Amino acid sequence: MSQSVSGAETVERQRTASIERVTNETNIKLQLAVDGEGKSDFNTGVPFLNHMLDLFTKHGQFDLSVQAKGDIEIDDHHTVEDIGICLGQALLKALGDKRGIKRYASVFVPMDEALAQVVIDLSNRPHLEYRAQYPSAQVGTFQTELVHEFLWKLALEARMTLHVIVHYGHNTHHMIEAVFKALGRALDEATSIDPRVKGVPSTKGVL
């Protein structure tokens, strides 16, 4: 898929990336198209993560494929963490020099009684602020503390500032679902091309 930046310059580029990560704990192959149609293909061995990634992809209008084998017989930690690493690396690679992007986004998403907010700056300065207190420590077999692990590794490897706030909620599944929907929509907005932007949206001249 291509994006154009109108004005003084026209840029045609494929905003896609493929990442492969092989360790003693995981084997992951991930493909990302930033300018997609919400197509998803997941086999992570972690059903709840598959569900959250599907929401992220659909609401972000990305195309995302993740094939992962990990030591889930121990627990889901390494698999979730390494998928976050790979997704962050893919996003950074796909965006290239970030010419023409909006850079910032702030999105609220409700899910029934829950409300989540995600604020993003594709700043090249990795940082995560995560404010969420869940009623339960697990959703099915998925440990809720792994949401932080995933988001932190995503922010670190994508080199973005990421603020995630769950304002309230009673159902842990709903609260986490709102986070991933908001994350997809915020990244869609922040990565979108603004035809008014010449070069990169920074007074430094680089992101």
N, C-alpha and C. Protein backbone atom coordinates (compact mmCIF):
# COMPACT_ATOMS: atom_id res chain seq x y z
N MET A 1 0.84 -1.17 0.00
CA MET A 1 0.00 0.00 0.00
C MET A 1 0.88 1.24 0.00
N SER A 2 0.42 2.31 -0.60
CA SER A 2 1.24 3.51 -0.69
C SER A 2 0.52 4.67 -0.05
N GLN A 3 1.32 5.65 0.38
CA GLN A 3 0.80 6.88 0.93
C GLN A 3 1.46 8.03 0.20
N SER A 4 0.69 9.09 -0.03
CA SER A 4 1.22 10.26 -0.71
C SER A 4 1.20 11.45 0.24
N VAL A 5 2.23 12.28 0.17
CA VAL A 5 2.29 13.53 0.88
C VAL A 5 2.27 14.63 -0.15
N SER A 6 1.21 15.43 -0.17
CA SER A 6 1.09 16.46 -1.18
C SER A 6 1.85 17.71 -0.76
N GLY A 7 1.97 18.67 -1.68
CA GLY A 7 2.69 19.90 -1.38
C GLY A 7 4.02 19.91 -2.07
N ALA A 8 5.06 20.31 -1.32
CA ALA A 8 6.38 20.47 -1.91
C ALA A 8 7.00 19.15 -2.32
N GLU A 9 6.55 18.06 -1.70
CA GLU A 9 7.15 16.78 -2.02
C GLU A 9 6.07 15.71 -2.11
N THR A 10 6.30 14.72 -2.91
CA THR A 10 5.40 13.58 -3.01
C THR A 10 6.18 12.33 -2.66
N VAL A 11 5.65 11.58 -1.72
CA VAL A 11 6.34 10.40 -1.23
C VAL A 11 5.47 9.18 -1.49
N GLU A 12 6.01 8.20 -2.19
CA GLU A 12 5.32 6.92 -2.39
C GLU A 12 6.13 5.86 -1.67
N ARG A 13 5.48 5.15 -0.74
CA ARG A 13 6.23 4.15 0.00
C ARG A 13 5.29 3.06 0.48
N GLN A 14 5.86 1.92 0.64
CA GLN A 14 5.15 0.78 1.19
C GLN A 14 5.38 0.78 2.70
N ARG A 15 4.36 1.04 3.46
CA ARG A 15 4.53 1.08 4.92
C ARG A 15 4.22 -0.31 5.49
N THR A 16 5.15 -1.21 5.23
CA THR A 16 5.02 -2.59 5.66
C THR A 16 6.33 -3.04 6.29
N ALA A 17 6.25 -4.10 7.06
CA ALA A 17 7.46 -4.66 7.67
C ALA A 17 7.21 -6.11 8.06
N SER A 18 8.27 -6.90 8.00
CA SER A 18 8.26 -8.29 8.47
C SER A 18 9.36 -8.46 9.50
N ILE A 19 9.04 -9.10 10.58
CA ILE A 19 9.99 -9.31 11.67
C ILE A 19 9.99 -10.79 12.05
N GLU A 20 11.17 -11.33 12.24
CA GLU A 20 11.29 -12.70 12.75
C GLU A 20 12.20 -12.69 13.97
N ARG A 21 11.73 -13.30 15.04
CA ARG A 21 12.50 -13.34 16.28
C ARG A 21 12.54 -14.78 16.77
N VAL A 22 13.76 -15.30 16.92
CA VAL A 22 13.94 -16.67 17.37
C VAL A 22 14.85 -16.66 18.60
N THR A 23 14.33 -17.16 19.71
CA THR A 23 15.12 -17.30 20.93
C THR A 23 14.93 -18.72 21.47
N ASN A 24 15.56 -19.00 22.58
CA ASN A 24 15.36 -20.30 23.22
C ASN A 24 13.96 -20.43 23.82
N GLU A 25 13.23 -19.29 23.89
CA GLU A 25 11.90 -19.29 24.51
C GLU A 25 10.76 -19.14 23.51
N THR A 26 11.03 -18.46 22.40
CA THR A 26 9.96 -18.19 21.42
C THR A 26 10.49 -18.22 19.99
N ASN A 27 9.57 -18.45 19.07
CA ASN A 27 9.85 -18.35 17.63
C ASN A 27 8.66 -17.60 17.02
N ILE A 28 8.92 -16.38 16.57
CA ILE A 28 7.83 -15.50 16.14
C ILE A 28 8.09 -14.97 14.74
N LYS A 29 7.05 -15.02 13.91
CA LYS A 29 7.07 -14.39 12.60
C LYS A 29 5.89 -13.42 12.54
N LEU A 30 6.17 -12.17 12.24
CA LEU A 30 5.14 -11.13 12.28
C LEU A 30 5.24 -10.28 11.02
N GLN A 31 4.09 -10.03 10.40
CA GLN A 31 4.01 -9.13 9.23
C GLN A 31 2.97 -8.05 9.53
N LEU A 32 3.35 -6.80 9.23
CA LEU A 32 2.48 -5.65 9.49
C LEU A 32 2.38 -4.78 8.26
N ALA A 33 1.17 -4.39 7.90
CA ALA A 33 0.92 -3.34 6.91
C ALA A 33 0.17 -2.23 7.63
N VAL A 34 0.79 -1.07 7.73
CA VAL A 34 0.16 0.05 8.42
C VAL A 34 -1.10 0.49 7.71
N ASP A 35 -1.05 0.54 6.38
CA ASP A 35 -2.19 1.01 5.58
C ASP A 35 -2.98 -0.19 5.06
N GLY A 36 -3.67 -0.84 5.98
CA GLY A 36 -4.34 -2.08 5.64
C GLY A 36 -5.85 -1.96 5.62
N GLU A 37 -6.49 -3.10 5.83
CA GLU A 37 -7.95 -3.18 5.77
C GLU A 37 -8.53 -3.88 7.00
N GLY A 38 -7.71 -4.04 8.03
CA GLY A 38 -8.18 -4.73 9.23
C GLY A 38 -8.11 -6.23 9.15
N LYS A 39 -7.26 -6.75 8.24
CA LYS A 39 -7.13 -8.19 8.08
C LYS A 39 -6.18 -8.75 9.14
N SER A 40 -6.56 -9.89 9.71
CA SER A 40 -5.76 -10.48 10.78
C SER A 40 -5.59 -11.98 10.59
N ASP A 41 -4.45 -12.48 11.05
CA ASP A 41 -4.15 -13.91 11.01
C ASP A 41 -3.23 -14.21 12.19
N PHE A 42 -3.79 -14.82 13.23
CA PHE A 42 -3.03 -15.01 14.46
C PHE A 42 -3.03 -16.48 14.90
N ASN A 43 -1.87 -16.92 15.31
CA ASN A 43 -1.72 -18.21 15.96
C ASN A 43 -0.58 -18.07 16.96
N THR A 44 -0.93 -17.58 18.14
CA THR A 44 0.08 -17.27 19.15
C THR A 44 0.16 -18.31 20.24
N GLY A 45 -0.83 -19.17 20.34
CA GLY A 45 -0.90 -20.09 21.47
C GLY A 45 -1.49 -19.48 22.72
N VAL A 46 -1.84 -18.19 22.63
CA VAL A 46 -2.44 -17.47 23.76
C VAL A 46 -3.78 -16.92 23.29
N PRO A 47 -4.88 -17.65 23.50
CA PRO A 47 -6.17 -17.28 22.91
C PRO A 47 -6.63 -15.86 23.25
N PHE A 48 -6.46 -15.43 24.48
CA PHE A 48 -6.91 -14.07 24.84
C PHE A 48 -6.10 -13.02 24.10
N LEU A 49 -4.80 -13.25 23.91
CA LEU A 49 -3.98 -12.31 23.15
C LEU A 49 -4.42 -12.30 21.69
N ASN A 50 -4.74 -13.45 21.12
CA ASN A 50 -5.28 -13.49 19.76
C ASN A 50 -6.49 -12.56 19.64
N HIS A 51 -7.38 -12.65 20.61
CA HIS A 51 -8.60 -11.83 20.62
C HIS A 51 -8.26 -10.34 20.69
N MET A 52 -7.33 -9.97 21.57
CA MET A 52 -6.96 -8.56 21.73
C MET A 52 -6.26 -8.03 20.47
N LEU A 53 -5.39 -8.83 19.87
CA LEU A 53 -4.71 -8.41 18.64
C LEU A 53 -5.70 -8.26 17.49
N ASP A 54 -6.72 -9.10 17.48
CA ASP A 54 -7.75 -8.99 16.45
C ASP A 54 -8.50 -7.67 16.58
N LEU A 55 -8.82 -7.28 17.81
CA LEU A 55 -9.47 -5.99 18.06
C LEU A 55 -8.56 -4.84 17.65
N PHE A 56 -7.31 -4.91 18.06
CA PHE A 56 -6.31 -3.89 17.71
C PHE A 56 -6.21 -3.71 16.21
N THR A 57 -6.14 -4.81 15.48
CA THR A 57 -5.97 -4.78 14.03
C THR A 57 -7.21 -4.21 13.34
N LYS A 58 -8.38 -4.66 13.76
CA LYS A 58 -9.62 -4.22 13.13
C LYS A 58 -9.86 -2.73 13.35
N HIS A 59 -9.65 -2.28 14.56
CA HIS A 59 -9.93 -0.88 14.88
C HIS A 59 -8.82 0.05 14.40
N GLY A 60 -7.63 -0.48 14.17
CA GLY A 60 -6.55 0.32 13.61
C GLY A 60 -6.49 0.29 12.09
N GLN A 61 -7.30 -0.58 11.47
CA GLN A 61 -7.28 -0.75 10.02
C GLN A 61 -5.88 -1.11 9.52
N PHE A 62 -5.20 -1.96 10.29
CA PHE A 62 -3.93 -2.53 9.87
C PHE A 62 -4.19 -3.89 9.25
N ASP A 63 -3.18 -4.44 8.60
CA ASP A 63 -3.14 -5.87 8.29
C ASP A 63 -2.02 -6.45 9.14
N LEU A 64 -2.33 -7.48 9.91
CA LEU A 64 -1.34 -8.02 10.85
C LEU A 64 -1.43 -9.53 10.89
N SER A 65 -0.28 -10.17 10.73
CA SER A 65 -0.16 -11.62 10.86
C SER A 65 0.88 -11.92 11.92
N VAL A 66 0.54 -12.79 12.86
CA VAL A 66 1.47 -13.21 13.91
C VAL A 66 1.40 -14.72 14.05
N GLN A 67 2.50 -15.37 13.79
CA GLN A 67 2.63 -16.81 14.00
C GLN A 67 3.70 -17.00 15.08
N ALA A 68 3.31 -17.57 16.19
CA ALA A 68 4.23 -17.65 17.33
C ALA A 68 4.18 -19.03 17.99
N LYS A 69 5.35 -19.51 18.35
CA LYS A 69 5.48 -20.70 19.18
C LYS A 69 6.34 -20.32 20.37
N GLY A 70 5.79 -20.54 21.56
CA GLY A 70 6.52 -20.16 22.76
C GLY A 70 6.38 -21.19 23.85
N ASP A 71 7.10 -20.97 24.93
CA ASP A 71 7.11 -21.91 26.05
C ASP A 71 5.89 -21.68 26.95
N ILE A 72 4.69 -21.76 26.34
CA ILE A 72 3.46 -21.51 27.09
C ILE A 72 3.16 -22.62 28.09
N GLU A 73 3.92 -23.72 28.02
CA GLU A 73 3.76 -24.75 29.05
C GLU A 73 4.27 -24.23 30.40
N ILE A 74 5.14 -23.22 30.35
CA ILE A 74 5.60 -22.56 31.58
C ILE A 74 4.58 -21.50 31.98
N ASP A 75 4.43 -20.48 31.13
CA ASP A 75 3.33 -19.52 31.21
C ASP A 75 3.38 -18.69 29.92
N ASP A 76 2.52 -17.68 29.83
CA ASP A 76 2.39 -16.90 28.60
C ASP A 76 3.37 -15.74 28.50
N HIS A 77 4.15 -15.53 29.55
CA HIS A 77 4.95 -14.31 29.65
C HIS A 77 5.87 -14.08 28.45
N HIS A 78 6.71 -15.05 28.14
CA HIS A 78 7.71 -14.84 27.08
C HIS A 78 7.05 -14.60 25.73
N THR A 79 5.97 -15.33 25.46
CA THR A 79 5.29 -15.18 24.18
C THR A 79 4.67 -13.80 24.04
N VAL A 80 3.96 -13.35 25.07
CA VAL A 80 3.32 -12.03 25.03
C VAL A 80 4.38 -10.93 24.92
N GLU A 81 5.42 -11.03 25.71
CA GLU A 81 6.50 -10.04 25.70
C GLU A 81 7.16 -9.96 24.33
N ASP A 82 7.48 -11.10 23.75
CA ASP A 82 8.21 -11.09 22.49
C ASP A 82 7.34 -10.66 21.32
N ILE A 83 6.04 -10.91 21.39
CA ILE A 83 5.15 -10.39 20.35
C ILE A 83 5.08 -8.87 20.44
N GLY A 84 5.06 -8.33 21.65
CA GLY A 84 5.13 -6.88 21.83
C GLY A 84 6.41 -6.31 21.24
N ILE A 85 7.53 -6.99 21.45
CA ILE A 85 8.81 -6.56 20.88
C ILE A 85 8.73 -6.55 19.36
N CYS A 86 8.23 -7.63 18.78
CA CYS A 86 8.18 -7.73 17.32
C CYS A 86 7.22 -6.72 16.71
N LEU A 87 6.09 -6.49 17.34
CA LEU A 87 5.14 -5.51 16.81
C LEU A 87 5.74 -4.11 16.86
N GLY A 88 6.42 -3.78 17.93
CA GLY A 88 7.08 -2.48 18.03
C GLY A 88 8.16 -2.31 16.97
N GLN A 89 8.96 -3.33 16.77
CA GLN A 89 10.00 -3.27 15.74
C GLN A 89 9.41 -3.12 14.35
N ALA A 90 8.31 -3.83 14.10
CA ALA A 90 7.66 -3.75 12.80
C ALA A 90 7.09 -2.36 12.55
N LEU A 91 6.47 -1.79 13.57
CA LEU A 91 5.90 -0.45 13.43
C LEU A 91 6.99 0.58 13.15
N LEU A 92 8.09 0.50 13.88
CA LEU A 92 9.19 1.43 13.67
C LEU A 92 9.76 1.30 12.26
N LYS A 93 9.94 0.09 11.81
CA LYS A 93 10.49 -0.17 10.48
C LYS A 93 9.53 0.30 9.39
N ALA A 94 8.25 0.02 9.56
CA ALA A 94 7.26 0.36 8.54
C ALA A 94 7.12 1.87 8.36
N LEU A 95 7.25 2.62 9.45
CA LEU A 95 7.05 4.07 9.37
C LEU A 95 8.26 4.81 8.80
N GLY A 96 9.41 4.15 8.78
CA GLY A 96 10.59 4.77 8.17
C GLY A 96 10.95 6.09 8.82
N ASP A 97 11.13 7.14 8.01
CA ASP A 97 11.52 8.44 8.55
C ASP A 97 10.33 9.24 9.07
N LYS A 98 9.13 8.71 8.95
CA LYS A 98 7.91 9.30 9.51
C LYS A 98 7.49 10.60 8.82
N ARG A 99 7.95 10.82 7.61
CA ARG A 99 7.54 12.02 6.89
C ARG A 99 6.03 12.04 6.67
N GLY A 100 5.41 13.16 6.97
CA GLY A 100 4.02 13.38 6.68
C GLY A 100 3.02 12.86 7.69
N ILE A 101 3.48 12.15 8.74
CA ILE A 101 2.53 11.57 9.68
C ILE A 101 1.98 12.64 10.63
N LYS A 102 0.82 12.34 11.22
CA LYS A 102 0.24 13.24 12.21
C LYS A 102 1.03 13.23 13.52
N ARG A 103 1.61 12.12 13.87
CA ARG A 103 2.49 11.93 15.02
C ARG A 103 1.74 11.74 16.34
N TYR A 104 0.77 12.57 16.63
CA TYR A 104 0.05 12.52 17.91
C TYR A 104 -1.35 11.93 17.74
N ALA A 105 -1.87 11.36 18.82
CA ALA A 105 -3.26 10.93 18.83
C ALA A 105 -3.72 10.74 20.28
N SER A 106 -4.99 11.01 20.51
CA SER A 106 -5.62 10.76 21.80
C SER A 106 -7.00 10.20 21.54
N VAL A 107 -7.26 9.00 22.06
CA VAL A 107 -8.51 8.30 21.77
C VAL A 107 -9.12 7.73 23.05
N PHE A 108 -10.41 7.98 23.24
CA PHE A 108 -11.19 7.32 24.29
C PHE A 108 -12.04 6.23 23.64
N VAL A 109 -12.11 5.07 24.28
CA VAL A 109 -13.00 4.01 23.81
C VAL A 109 -13.76 3.42 25.00
N PRO A 110 -15.08 3.41 24.92
CA PRO A 110 -15.87 2.73 25.94
C PRO A 110 -16.11 1.28 25.55
N MET A 111 -16.21 0.44 26.53
CA MET A 111 -16.66 -0.94 26.32
C MET A 111 -17.65 -1.25 27.44
N ASP A 112 -18.93 -1.07 27.13
CA ASP A 112 -19.97 -1.18 28.15
C ASP A 112 -19.65 -0.26 29.33
N GLU A 113 -19.39 -0.80 30.49
CA GLU A 113 -19.17 0.03 31.68
C GLU A 113 -17.75 0.56 31.79
N ALA A 114 -16.84 0.08 30.97
CA ALA A 114 -15.42 0.44 31.06
C ALA A 114 -15.07 1.56 30.09
N LEU A 115 -14.10 2.38 30.47
CA LEU A 115 -13.62 3.45 29.61
C LEU A 115 -12.10 3.49 29.65
N ALA A 116 -11.49 3.40 28.47
CA ALA A 116 -10.03 3.44 28.35
C ALA A 116 -9.62 4.61 27.46
N GLN A 117 -8.47 5.16 27.75
CA GLN A 117 -7.89 6.26 26.98
C GLN A 117 -6.46 5.90 26.59
N VAL A 118 -6.11 6.11 25.33
CA VAL A 118 -4.74 5.90 24.86
C VAL A 118 -4.28 7.18 24.18
N VAL A 119 -3.13 7.67 24.61
CA VAL A 119 -2.52 8.88 24.05
C VAL A 119 -1.13 8.51 23.54
N ILE A 120 -0.83 8.90 22.30
CA ILE A 120 0.40 8.47 21.63
C ILE A 120 1.16 9.67 21.08
N ASP A 121 2.47 9.60 21.19
CA ASP A 121 3.38 10.50 20.48
C ASP A 121 4.45 9.62 19.84
N LEU A 122 4.49 9.60 18.51
CA LEU A 122 5.51 8.83 17.80
C LEU A 122 6.79 9.67 17.75
N SER A 123 7.40 9.78 18.89
CA SER A 123 8.41 10.81 19.17
C SER A 123 9.84 10.36 19.03
N ASN A 124 10.06 9.05 18.89
CA ASN A 124 11.39 8.45 18.98
C ASN A 124 11.94 8.50 20.41
N ARG A 125 11.05 8.75 21.38
CA ARG A 125 11.43 8.72 22.79
C ARG A 125 10.53 7.69 23.49
N PRO A 126 11.04 6.49 23.72
CA PRO A 126 10.19 5.44 24.30
C PRO A 126 9.83 5.70 25.76
N HIS A 127 8.55 5.65 26.03
CA HIS A 127 8.08 5.83 27.41
C HIS A 127 6.67 5.25 27.51
N LEU A 128 6.38 4.60 28.64
CA LEU A 128 5.04 4.10 28.91
C LEU A 128 4.56 4.63 30.25
N GLU A 129 3.38 5.25 30.24
CA GLU A 129 2.64 5.55 31.46
C GLU A 129 1.39 4.68 31.42
N TYR A 130 1.22 3.85 32.43
CA TYR A 130 0.15 2.86 32.42
C TYR A 130 -0.61 2.94 33.73
N ARG A 131 -1.85 3.37 33.65
CA ARG A 131 -2.68 3.53 34.83
C ARG A 131 -3.92 2.63 34.68
N ALA A 132 -3.88 1.48 35.31
CA ALA A 132 -4.99 0.54 35.21
C ALA A 132 -5.00 -0.36 36.44
N GLN A 133 -6.16 -0.50 37.03
CA GLN A 133 -6.35 -1.42 38.14
C GLN A 133 -7.53 -2.32 37.79
N TYR A 134 -7.22 -3.61 37.65
CA TYR A 134 -8.24 -4.56 37.21
C TYR A 134 -8.84 -5.30 38.41
N PRO A 135 -10.13 -5.59 38.36
CA PRO A 135 -10.77 -6.31 39.46
C PRO A 135 -10.22 -7.71 39.68
N SER A 136 -9.74 -8.35 38.59
CA SER A 136 -9.23 -9.71 38.73
C SER A 136 -7.83 -9.81 38.13
N ALA A 137 -7.06 -10.76 38.63
CA ALA A 137 -5.67 -10.94 38.19
C ALA A 137 -5.58 -11.75 36.91
N GLN A 138 -6.68 -12.40 36.53
CA GLN A 138 -6.67 -13.23 35.33
C GLN A 138 -7.99 -13.08 34.57
N VAL A 139 -7.89 -13.22 33.23
CA VAL A 139 -9.06 -13.39 32.39
C VAL A 139 -8.90 -14.77 31.77
N GLY A 140 -9.70 -15.73 32.20
CA GLY A 140 -9.44 -17.11 31.83
C GLY A 140 -8.09 -17.53 32.40
N THR A 141 -7.20 -17.94 31.53
CA THR A 141 -5.84 -18.30 31.97
C THR A 141 -4.84 -17.18 31.74
N PHE A 142 -5.30 -16.05 31.18
CA PHE A 142 -4.41 -14.94 30.84
C PHE A 142 -4.20 -14.04 32.06
N GLN A 143 -2.93 -13.80 32.41
CA GLN A 143 -2.60 -12.94 33.54
C GLN A 143 -2.67 -11.48 33.10
N THR A 144 -3.44 -10.68 33.83
CA THR A 144 -3.64 -9.29 33.43
C THR A 144 -2.36 -8.45 33.52
N GLU A 145 -1.40 -8.86 34.33
CA GLU A 145 -0.14 -8.12 34.40
C GLU A 145 0.62 -8.16 33.08
N LEU A 146 0.28 -9.11 32.20
CA LEU A 146 0.97 -9.21 30.91
C LEU A 146 0.54 -8.10 29.95
N VAL A 147 -0.57 -7.43 30.22
CA VAL A 147 -0.95 -6.28 29.40
C VAL A 147 0.13 -5.20 29.51
N HIS A 148 0.58 -4.93 30.72
CA HIS A 148 1.66 -3.97 30.92
C HIS A 148 2.92 -4.41 30.20
N GLU A 149 3.25 -5.68 30.30
CA GLU A 149 4.47 -6.20 29.67
C GLU A 149 4.41 -6.00 28.16
N PHE A 150 3.27 -6.30 27.55
CA PHE A 150 3.09 -6.13 26.11
C PHE A 150 3.22 -4.66 25.72
N LEU A 151 2.53 -3.78 26.43
CA LEU A 151 2.53 -2.36 26.08
C LEU A 151 3.89 -1.73 26.26
N TRP A 152 4.60 -2.13 27.32
CA TRP A 152 5.92 -1.56 27.56
C TRP A 152 6.89 -1.96 26.47
N LYS A 153 6.89 -3.21 26.06
CA LYS A 153 7.79 -3.64 25.01
C LYS A 153 7.40 -3.03 23.65
N LEU A 154 6.11 -2.87 23.41
CA LEU A 154 5.66 -2.19 22.19
C LEU A 154 6.17 -0.76 22.16
N ALA A 155 5.98 -0.03 23.24
CA ALA A 155 6.43 1.37 23.29
C ALA A 155 7.94 1.47 23.15
N LEU A 156 8.65 0.57 23.81
CA LEU A 156 10.11 0.60 23.78
C LEU A 156 10.64 0.36 22.38
N GLU A 157 10.15 -0.67 21.72
CA GLU A 157 10.69 -1.04 20.41
C GLU A 157 10.18 -0.13 19.29
N ALA A 158 8.98 0.41 19.44
CA ALA A 158 8.47 1.37 18.44
C ALA A 158 9.01 2.76 18.70
N ARG A 159 9.67 2.94 19.82
CA ARG A 159 10.24 4.22 20.23
C ARG A 159 9.16 5.31 20.22
N MET A 160 8.10 5.00 20.96
CA MET A 160 7.02 5.98 21.07
C MET A 160 6.68 6.23 22.53
N THR A 161 6.12 7.40 22.79
CA THR A 161 5.56 7.71 24.09
C THR A 161 4.12 7.23 24.09
N LEU A 162 3.79 6.41 25.07
CA LEU A 162 2.48 5.77 25.13
C LEU A 162 1.89 5.93 26.53
N HIS A 163 0.74 6.59 26.60
CA HIS A 163 0.01 6.73 27.85
C HIS A 163 -1.29 5.94 27.74
N VAL A 164 -1.50 5.04 28.68
CA VAL A 164 -2.69 4.20 28.70
C VAL A 164 -3.36 4.37 30.06
N ILE A 165 -4.62 4.81 30.03
CA ILE A 165 -5.37 5.05 31.26
C ILE A 165 -6.71 4.33 31.17
N VAL A 166 -6.95 3.44 32.10
CA VAL A 166 -8.28 2.85 32.23
C VAL A 166 -8.99 3.64 33.33
N HIS A 167 -9.93 4.47 32.93
CA HIS A 167 -10.55 5.40 33.88
C HIS A 167 -11.44 4.70 34.87
N TYR A 168 -12.17 3.68 34.39
CA TYR A 168 -13.02 2.91 35.29
C TYR A 168 -13.54 1.69 34.56
N GLY A 169 -14.15 0.81 35.33
CA GLY A 169 -14.74 -0.41 34.79
C GLY A 169 -14.91 -1.44 35.89
N HIS A 170 -15.78 -2.42 35.64
CA HIS A 170 -16.01 -3.49 36.61
C HIS A 170 -15.61 -4.86 36.07
N ASN A 171 -15.63 -5.00 34.76
CA ASN A 171 -15.33 -6.27 34.13
C ASN A 171 -13.94 -6.21 33.52
N THR A 172 -13.05 -7.07 33.98
CA THR A 172 -11.66 -7.02 33.54
C THR A 172 -11.52 -7.22 32.04
N HIS A 173 -12.28 -8.15 31.49
CA HIS A 173 -12.25 -8.39 30.04
C HIS A 173 -12.63 -7.11 29.29
N HIS A 174 -13.70 -6.47 29.70
CA HIS A 174 -14.13 -5.22 29.05
C HIS A 174 -13.06 -4.14 29.13
N MET A 175 -12.40 -4.03 30.26
CA MET A 175 -11.40 -2.98 30.48
C MET A 175 -10.20 -3.17 29.56
N ILE A 176 -9.72 -4.41 29.46
CA ILE A 176 -8.57 -4.69 28.59
C ILE A 176 -8.98 -4.56 27.12
N GLU A 177 -10.18 -5.00 26.80
CA GLU A 177 -10.67 -4.87 25.43
C GLU A 177 -10.72 -3.40 25.00
N ALA A 178 -11.18 -2.53 25.89
CA ALA A 178 -11.21 -1.10 25.58
C ALA A 178 -9.81 -0.56 25.33
N VAL A 179 -8.82 -1.06 26.07
CA VAL A 179 -7.43 -0.63 25.88
C VAL A 179 -6.95 -0.97 24.47
N PHE A 180 -7.17 -2.19 24.04
CA PHE A 180 -6.64 -2.61 22.74
C PHE A 180 -7.39 -1.96 21.58
N LYS A 181 -8.69 -1.72 21.74
CA LYS A 181 -9.42 -0.98 20.71
C LYS A 181 -8.89 0.45 20.62
N ALA A 182 -8.71 1.08 21.76
CA ALA A 182 -8.20 2.46 21.78
C ALA A 182 -6.78 2.53 21.23
N LEU A 183 -5.96 1.52 21.54
CA LEU A 183 -4.59 1.48 21.02
C LEU A 183 -4.59 1.42 19.50
N GLY A 184 -5.43 0.56 18.93
CA GLY A 184 -5.51 0.47 17.48
C GLY A 184 -5.94 1.78 16.84
N ARG A 185 -6.98 2.39 17.39
CA ARG A 185 -7.50 3.62 16.82
C ARG A 185 -6.51 4.78 16.98
N ALA A 186 -5.83 4.83 18.11
CA ALA A 186 -4.85 5.89 18.32
C ALA A 186 -3.65 5.75 17.38
N LEU A 187 -3.18 4.53 17.20
CA LEU A 187 -2.07 4.32 16.27
C LEU A 187 -2.48 4.60 14.83
N ASP A 188 -3.71 4.27 14.48
CA ASP A 188 -4.21 4.59 13.15
C ASP A 188 -4.16 6.09 12.91
N GLU A 189 -4.61 6.86 13.90
CA GLU A 189 -4.60 8.31 13.76
C GLU A 189 -3.19 8.88 13.74
N ALA A 190 -2.34 8.43 14.64
CA ALA A 190 -0.98 8.98 14.74
C ALA A 190 -0.13 8.66 13.52
N THR A 191 -0.37 7.50 12.90
CA THR A 191 0.43 7.10 11.74
C THR A 191 -0.15 7.62 10.43
N SER A 192 -1.35 8.17 10.46
CA SER A 192 -1.99 8.61 9.22
C SER A 192 -1.25 9.81 8.62
N ILE A 193 -1.34 9.93 7.32
CA ILE A 193 -0.66 11.00 6.60
C ILE A 193 -1.53 12.26 6.60
N ASP A 194 -0.92 13.37 6.98
CA ASP A 194 -1.57 14.68 6.94
C ASP A 194 -0.96 15.46 5.78
N PRO A 195 -1.74 15.76 4.73
CA PRO A 195 -1.17 16.41 3.55
C PRO A 195 -0.61 17.81 3.84
N ARG A 196 -0.94 18.37 5.00
CA ARG A 196 -0.41 19.70 5.34
C ARG A 196 1.01 19.62 5.89
N VAL A 197 1.41 18.42 6.33
CA VAL A 197 2.73 18.26 6.96
C VAL A 197 3.80 18.15 5.88
N LYS A 198 4.78 19.02 5.93
CA LYS A 198 5.94 18.98 5.03
C LYS A 198 7.12 18.39 5.81
N GLY A 199 7.65 17.30 5.34
CA GLY A 199 8.73 16.64 6.08
C GLY A 199 8.16 15.92 7.29
N VAL A 200 8.84 16.04 8.42
CA VAL A 200 8.38 15.40 9.65
C VAL A 200 7.78 16.45 10.58
N PRO A 201 6.79 16.08 11.40
CA PRO A 201 6.15 17.04 12.28
C PRO A 201 6.95 17.30 13.55
N SER A 202 8.08 17.93 13.40
CA SER A 202 8.95 18.25 14.52
C SER A 202 9.82 19.44 14.17
N THR A 203 9.99 20.36 15.12
CA THR A 203 10.88 21.49 14.88
C THR A 203 12.34 21.06 14.82
N LYS A 204 12.62 19.84 15.30
CA LYS A 204 13.99 19.32 15.21
C LYS A 204 14.36 18.92 13.79
N GLY A 205 13.32 18.66 12.98
CA GLY A 205 13.56 18.21 11.61
C GLY A 205 13.75 16.72 11.48
N VAL A 206 13.61 16.00 12.59
CA VAL A 206 13.78 14.54 12.56
C VAL A 206 12.99 13.94 13.71
N LEU A 207 12.47 12.74 13.50
CA LEU A 207 11.81 11.98 14.56
C LEU A 207 12.50 10.63 14.68
